[in-house]
Amino acid sequence: MAGTFELKKASNGQFHFNLKASNGEIILTSEMYEAKASAESGIASVRTNSPNADRYNKAESSNGKFHFTLKAGNNQVIGNSQMYASAASRDAGIESVRSNGASAKLSDLT
């Protein structure tokens, strides 16, 4: 089973999406967008950029947790990961986005 993009409308009227792996875990979360079309463009950007390993920024937070961001070719952040306990877990999260992002189906929950 492939991953899924869940497109949602927040209580403040803005739109955002999560990329979920086939096991239902959220592996990437977008920023908030004012327009639904902008969120849909963000999803298209994930589909384009997620297979490219060079588009990921790996980081460690001040509390010792690990995370990553996915960036577009223009260096704009497309999505952020959750916090992981280890670098290996973070790297597995990146691989999950790489394998699910391009082919994930869209579930429009707006």
C-alpha atoms as a PDB file:
ATOM      1  CA  MET A   1       0.000   0.000   0.000  1.00  0.00           C
ATOM      2  CA  ALA A   2       1.314   3.430  -0.941  1.00  0.00           C
ATOM      3  CA  GLY A   3       1.452   6.539   1.188  1.00  0.00           C
ATOM      4  CA  THR A   4      -1.268   9.183   1.307  1.00  0.00           C
ATOM      5  CA  PHE A   5      -1.378  12.960   1.303  1.00  0.00           C
ATOM      6  CA  GLU A   6      -4.120  14.219   3.606  1.00  0.00           C
ATOM      7  CA  LEU A   7      -5.199  17.733   2.661  1.00  0.00           C
ATOM      8  CA  LYS A   8      -7.010  19.475   5.515  1.00  0.00           C
ATOM      9  CA  LYS A   9      -8.594  22.797   6.381  1.00  0.00           C
ATOM     10  CA  ALA A  10      -7.669  24.146   9.819  1.00  0.00           C
ATOM     11  CA  SER A  11     -10.087  25.879  12.177  1.00  0.00           C
ATOM     12  CA  ASN A  12      -8.568  29.240  11.178  1.00  0.00           C
ATOM     13  CA  GLY A  13      -9.547  28.638   7.528  1.00  0.00           C
ATOM     14  CA  GLN A  14      -6.031  27.877   6.309  1.00  0.00           C
ATOM     15  CA  PHE A  15      -4.974  24.696   4.522  1.00  0.00           C
ATOM     16  CA  HIS A  16      -2.187  22.209   5.208  1.00  0.00           C
ATOM     17  CA  PHE A  17      -1.240  18.649   4.373  1.00  0.00           C
ATOM     18  CA  ASN A  18       0.407  15.642   5.945  1.00  0.00           C
ATOM     19  CA  LEU A  19       2.160  12.875   4.088  1.00  0.00           C
ATOM     20  CA  LYS A  20       1.417   9.558   5.748  1.00  0.00           C
ATOM     21  CA  ALA A  21       3.362   6.344   5.194  1.00  0.00           C
ATOM     22  CA  SER A  22       1.510   3.147   4.316  1.00  0.00           C
ATOM     23  CA  ASN A  23       1.355   2.310   8.053  1.00  0.00           C
ATOM     24  CA  GLY A  24      -0.566   5.541   8.748  1.00  0.00           C
ATOM     25  CA  GLU A  25       2.314   7.366  10.449  1.00  0.00           C
ATOM     26  CA  ILE A  26       2.763  11.047   9.557  1.00  0.00           C
ATOM     27  CA  ILE A  27       6.174  11.416   7.935  1.00  0.00           C
ATOM     28  CA  LEU A  28       5.979  15.007   6.627  1.00  0.00           C
ATOM     29  CA  THR A  29       3.888  18.045   7.576  1.00  0.00           C
ATOM     30  CA  SER A  30       3.467  21.213   5.526  1.00  0.00           C
ATOM     31  CA  GLU A  31       3.236  24.817   6.557  1.00  0.00           C
ATOM     32  CA  MET A  32      -0.162  26.555   6.612  1.00  0.00           C
ATOM     33  CA  TYR A  33      -1.409  27.998   3.328  1.00  0.00           C
ATOM     34  CA  GLU A  34      -4.083  30.659   2.886  1.00  0.00           C
ATOM     35  CA  ALA A  35      -5.430  29.083  -0.303  1.00  0.00           C
ATOM     36  CA  LYS A  36      -6.265  25.476  -1.068  1.00  0.00           C
ATOM     37  CA  ALA A  37      -4.547  25.800  -4.448  1.00  0.00           C
ATOM     38  CA  SER A  38      -1.306  26.776  -2.686  1.00  0.00           C
ATOM     39  CA  ALA A  39      -1.477  23.655  -0.517  1.00  0.00           C
ATOM     40  CA  GLU A  40      -2.088  21.571  -3.650  1.00  0.00           C
ATOM     41  CA  SER A  41       1.007  23.179  -5.196  1.00  0.00           C
ATOM     42  CA  GLY A  42       2.940  22.185  -2.076  1.00  0.00           C
ATOM     43  CA  ILE A  43       1.843  18.581  -2.573  1.00  0.00           C
ATOM     44  CA  ALA A  44       2.978  18.751  -6.213  1.00  0.00           C
ATOM     45  CA  SER A  45       6.333  20.062  -5.020  1.00  0.00           C
ATOM     46  CA  VAL A  46       6.710  17.137  -2.595  1.00  0.00           C
ATOM     47  CA  ARG A  47       5.949  14.742  -5.457  1.00  0.00           C
ATOM     48  CA  THR A  48       8.674  16.386  -7.560  1.00  0.00           C
ATOM     49  CA  ASN A  49      11.359  16.874  -4.918  1.00  0.00           C
ATOM     50  CA  SER A  50      10.946  13.951  -2.499  1.00  0.00           C
ATOM     51  CA  PRO A  51      12.905  11.373  -4.564  1.00  0.00           C
ATOM     52  CA  ASN A  52      15.988  13.642  -4.612  1.00  0.00           C
ATOM     53  CA  ALA A  53      18.260  12.960  -1.603  1.00  0.00           C
ATOM     54  CA  ASP A  54      19.887  16.385  -1.990  1.00  0.00           C
ATOM     55  CA  ARG A  55      16.589  18.099  -1.098  1.00  0.00           C
ATOM     56  CA  TYR A  56      16.694  16.980   2.562  1.00  0.00           C
ATOM     57  CA  ASN A  57      18.221  18.961   5.406  1.00  0.00           C
ATOM     58  CA  LYS A  58      19.100  16.808   8.416  1.00  0.00           C
ATOM     59  CA  ALA A  59      19.214  18.523  11.797  1.00  0.00           C
ATOM     60  CA  GLU A  60      19.507  17.935  15.525  1.00  0.00           C
ATOM     61  CA  SER A  61      17.549  20.115  17.930  1.00  0.00           C
ATOM     62  CA  SER A  62      18.927  21.564  21.146  1.00  0.00           C
ATOM     63  CA  ASN A  63      17.162  18.829  23.145  1.00  0.00           C
ATOM     64  CA  GLY A  64      19.027  16.061  21.293  1.00  0.00           C
ATOM     65  CA  LYS A  65      16.143  15.025  19.016  1.00  0.00           C
ATOM     66  CA  PHE A  66      16.628  14.590  15.283  1.00  0.00           C
ATOM     67  CA  HIS A  67      14.482  15.923  12.430  1.00  0.00           C
ATOM     68  CA  PHE A  68      14.590  16.908   8.776  1.00  0.00           C
ATOM     69  CA  THR A  69      13.118  19.343   6.289  1.00  0.00           C
ATOM     70  CA  LEU A  70      12.342  18.785   2.622  1.00  0.00           C
ATOM     71  CA  LYS A  71      13.234  21.740   0.414  1.00  0.00           C
ATOM     72  CA  ALA A  72      12.397  22.622  -3.163  1.00  0.00           C
ATOM     73  CA  GLY A  73      15.031  23.468  -5.762  1.00  0.00           C
ATOM     74  CA  ASN A  74      14.731  27.156  -4.790  1.00  0.00           C
ATOM     75  CA  ASN A  75      15.632  26.193  -1.185  1.00  0.00           C
ATOM     76  CA  GLN A  76      12.115  26.915   0.119  1.00  0.00           C
ATOM     77  CA  VAL A  77      10.930  24.511   2.832  1.00  0.00           C
ATOM     78  CA  ILE A  78       8.088  22.275   1.604  1.00  0.00           C
ATOM     79  CA  GLY A  79       7.618  20.174   4.727  1.00  0.00           C
ATOM     80  CA  ASN A  80       8.983  19.237   8.129  1.00  0.00           C
ATOM     81  CA  SER A  81       9.324  15.912   9.875  1.00  0.00           C
ATOM     82  CA  GLN A  82       8.408  14.915  13.376  1.00  0.00           C
ATOM     83  CA  MET A  83      11.114  14.666  16.039  1.00  0.00           C
ATOM     84  CA  TYR A  84      13.004  11.376  16.184  1.00  0.00           C
ATOM     85  CA  ALA A  85      14.945   9.851  19.083  1.00  0.00           C
ATOM     86  CA  SER A  86      17.901   8.854  16.906  1.00  0.00           C
ATOM     87  CA  ALA A  87      19.655   9.866  13.700  1.00  0.00           C
ATOM     88  CA  ALA A  88      18.943   6.390  12.314  1.00  0.00           C
ATOM     89  CA  SER A  89      15.201   6.847  12.895  1.00  0.00           C
ATOM     90  CA  ARG A  90      15.328  10.253  11.195  1.00  0.00           C
ATOM     91  CA  ASP A  91      17.163   8.751   8.233  1.00  0.00           C
ATOM     92  CA  ALA A  92      14.517   6.025   7.985  1.00  0.00           C
ATOM     93  CA  GLY A  93      11.886   8.791   7.943  1.00  0.00           C
ATOM     94  CA  ILE A  94      13.674  10.433   5.021  1.00  0.00           C
ATOM     95  CA  GLU A  95      13.709   7.143   3.143  1.00  0.00           C
ATOM     96  CA  SER A  96       9.991   6.756   3.788  1.00  0.00           C
ATOM     97  CA  VAL A  97       9.294  10.214   2.325  1.00  0.00           C
ATOM     98  CA  ARG A  98      11.553   9.407  -0.624  1.00  0.00           C
ATOM     99  CA  SER A  99       9.690   6.176  -1.345  1.00  0.00           C
ATOM    100  CA  ASN A 100       6.150   7.460  -0.679  1.00  0.00           C
ATOM    101  CA  GLY A 101       6.202  11.109  -1.749  1.00  0.00           C
ATOM    102  CA  ALA A 102       6.163  10.783  -5.521  1.00  0.00           C
ATOM    103  CA  SER A 103       3.354   8.233  -5.728  1.00  0.00           C
ATOM    104  CA  ALA A 104       1.189   8.970  -2.681  1.00  0.00           C
ATOM    105  CA  LYS A 105      -2.514   9.329  -3.356  1.00  0.00           C
ATOM    106  CA  LEU A 106      -4.400  12.459  -2.333  1.00  0.00           C
ATOM    107  CA  SER A 107      -7.139  12.290   0.261  1.00  0.00           C
ATOM    108  CA  ASP A 108      -8.941  15.659   0.242  1.00  0.00           C
ATOM    109  CA  LEU A 109     -10.457  16.105   3.701  1.00  0.00           C
ATOM    110  CA  THR A 110     -11.404  19.752   3.201  1.00  0.00           C
END
